[in-house]
C-alpha atoms as a PDB file:
ATOM      1  CA  MET A   1       0.000   0.000   0.000  1.00  0.00           C
ATOM      2  CA  ALA A   2       1.412   3.377  -0.957  1.00  0.00           C
ATOM      3  CA  ALA A   3       0.305   5.864   1.683  1.00  0.00           C
ATOM      4  CA  LYS A   4       0.120   9.422   0.502  1.00  0.00           C
ATOM      5  CA  SER A   5       1.917  11.970   2.597  1.00  0.00           C
ATOM      6  CA  GLY A   6       1.323  15.662   2.939  1.00  0.00           C
ATOM      7  CA  LYS A   7      -1.837  17.699   3.035  1.00  0.00           C
ATOM      8  CA  THR A   8      -5.101  16.463   1.586  1.00  0.00           C
ATOM      9  CA  GLN A   9      -6.571  18.886  -0.928  1.00  0.00           C
ATOM     10  CA  ASN A  10     -10.293  18.473  -0.252  1.00  0.00           C
ATOM     11  CA  PHE A  11     -12.934  16.488   1.591  1.00  0.00           C
ATOM     12  CA  GLU A  12     -13.882  14.276  -1.353  1.00  0.00           C
ATOM     13  CA  THR A  13     -10.271  13.297  -2.030  1.00  0.00           C
ATOM     14  CA  ALA A  14      -9.689  12.555   1.647  1.00  0.00           C
ATOM     15  CA  LEU A  15     -12.849  10.461   1.894  1.00  0.00           C
ATOM     16  CA  ALA A  16     -11.944   8.444  -1.202  1.00  0.00           C
ATOM     17  CA  GLU A  17      -8.447   7.814   0.149  1.00  0.00           C
ATOM     18  CA  LEU A  18      -9.861   6.851   3.558  1.00  0.00           C
ATOM     19  CA  GLU A  19     -12.196   4.339   1.901  1.00  0.00           C
ATOM     20  CA  GLN A  20      -9.225   2.847   0.051  1.00  0.00           C
ATOM     21  CA  VAL A  21      -7.177   2.644   3.263  1.00  0.00           C
ATOM     22  CA  VAL A  22     -10.032   0.808   4.990  1.00  0.00           C
ATOM     23  CA  ALA A  23     -10.421  -1.590   2.054  1.00  0.00           C
ATOM     24  CA  ASP A  24      -6.680  -2.305   2.052  1.00  0.00           C
ATOM     25  CA  MET A  25      -6.694  -2.988   5.782  1.00  0.00           C
ATOM     26  CA  GLU A  26      -9.804  -5.174   5.600  1.00  0.00           C
ATOM     27  CA  SER A  27      -8.231  -7.263   2.843  1.00  0.00           C
ATOM     28  CA  GLY A  28      -5.834  -8.729   5.389  1.00  0.00           C
ATOM     29  CA  LYS A  29      -3.013  -8.697   2.852  1.00  0.00           C
ATOM     30  CA  LEU A  30      -0.924  -5.939   4.451  1.00  0.00           C
ATOM     31  CA  ALA A  31       2.204  -6.698   6.424  1.00  0.00           C
ATOM     32  CA  LEU A  32       2.246  -5.504  10.026  1.00  0.00           C
ATOM     33  CA  GLU A  33       4.364  -2.438   9.258  1.00  0.00           C
ATOM     34  CA  ASP A  34       2.110  -1.520   6.325  1.00  0.00           C
ATOM     35  CA  SER A  35      -0.976  -2.008   8.494  1.00  0.00           C
ATOM     36  CA  LEU A  36       0.413   0.379  11.097  1.00  0.00           C
ATOM     37  CA  ALA A  37       1.203   2.969   8.413  1.00  0.00           C
ATOM     38  CA  ALA A  38      -2.283   2.537   6.950  1.00  0.00           C
ATOM     39  CA  TYR A  39      -3.858   2.960  10.382  1.00  0.00           C
ATOM     40  CA  LYS A  40      -1.869   6.146  10.982  1.00  0.00           C
ATOM     41  CA  ARG A  41      -2.856   7.562   7.578  1.00  0.00           C
ATOM     42  CA  GLY A  42      -6.478   6.579   8.164  1.00  0.00           C
ATOM     43  CA  ALA A  43      -6.493   8.406  11.493  1.00  0.00           C
ATOM     44  CA  GLU A  44      -5.087  11.526   9.785  1.00  0.00           C
ATOM     45  CA  LEU A  45      -7.710  11.343   7.055  1.00  0.00           C
ATOM     46  CA  LEU A  46     -10.514  10.789   9.559  1.00  0.00           C
ATOM     47  CA  SER A  47      -9.421  13.817  11.557  1.00  0.00           C
ATOM     48  CA  PHE A  48      -9.259  15.916   8.380  1.00  0.00           C
ATOM     49  CA  CYS A  49     -12.746  14.814   7.267  1.00  0.00           C
ATOM     50  CA  ARG A  50     -14.267  15.470  10.687  1.00  0.00           C
ATOM     51  CA  SER A  51     -12.702  18.918  10.735  1.00  0.00           C
ATOM     52  CA  ARG A  52     -14.114  19.734   7.288  1.00  0.00           C
ATOM     53  CA  LEU A  53     -17.573  18.500   8.307  1.00  0.00           C
ATOM     54  CA  ASP A  54     -17.464  20.572  11.506  1.00  0.00           C
ATOM     55  CA  ASP A  55     -16.457  23.628   9.454  1.00  0.00           C
ATOM     56  CA  ALA A  56     -19.333  23.047   7.031  1.00  0.00           C
ATOM     57  CA  GLN A  57     -21.805  22.640   9.875  1.00  0.00           C
ATOM     58  CA  GLN A  58     -20.621  25.901  11.432  1.00  0.00           C
ATOM     59  CA  GLN A  59     -21.011  27.698   8.100  1.00  0.00           C
ATOM     60  CA  VAL A  60     -24.580  26.390   7.775  1.00  0.00           C
ATOM     61  CA  ARG A  61     -25.355  27.661  11.273  1.00  0.00           C
ATOM     62  CA  VAL A  62     -24.034  31.095  10.371  1.00  0.00           C
ATOM     63  CA  LEU A  63     -25.943  31.154   7.085  1.00  0.00           C
ATOM     64  CA  GLU A  64     -29.146  30.092   8.823  1.00  0.00           C
ATOM     65  CA  ASP A  65     -28.635  32.719  11.539  1.00  0.00           C
ATOM     66  CA  GLY A  66     -27.900  30.091  14.164  1.00  0.00           C
ATOM     67  CA  THR A  67     -30.987  27.982  13.459  1.00  0.00           C
ATOM     68  CA  LEU A  68     -30.896  24.841  11.367  1.00  0.00           C
ATOM     69  CA  LYS A  69     -34.199  24.461   9.518  1.00  0.00           C
ATOM     70  CA  ASP A  70     -35.976  21.218   8.683  1.00  0.00           C
ATOM     71  CA  PHE A  71     -36.513  20.413   5.025  1.00  0.00           C
ATOM     72  CA  THR A  72     -37.600  17.486   2.917  1.00  0.00           C
ATOM     73  CA  ALA A  73     -35.608  16.000   0.088  1.00  0.00           C
ATOM     74  CA  SER A  74     -38.394  16.750  -2.397  1.00  0.00           C
ATOM     75  CA  GLY A  75     -38.604  20.394  -1.315  1.00  0.00           C
ATOM     76  CA  ASP A  76     -42.282  20.230  -0.238  1.00  0.00           C
ATOM     77  CA  ALA A  77     -41.773  21.118   3.439  1.00  0.00           C
ATOM     78  CA  ASN A  78     -45.157  22.840   3.731  1.00  0.00           C
ATOM     79  CA  LYS A  79     -47.260  19.780   2.804  1.00  0.00           C
ATOM     80  CA  ASP A  80     -48.941  17.832   5.592  1.00  0.00           C
END
């Protein structure tokens, strides 16, 4: 497994890499040293993704003036 080093550019890239790290680890084909490196990289990616999600949630709160509003996927929130 070739772990990428350095900063992750965006959430989607980090999530895709994290999914690949998990798949590699679940395969059971990694040597112990590679598994430890994969775990470390996965922890970094998880922290990055959580941070980005927290930032996005804070931005939504600001945009909604501190109140998150309920909505439906179809956009018909006023129907009973």
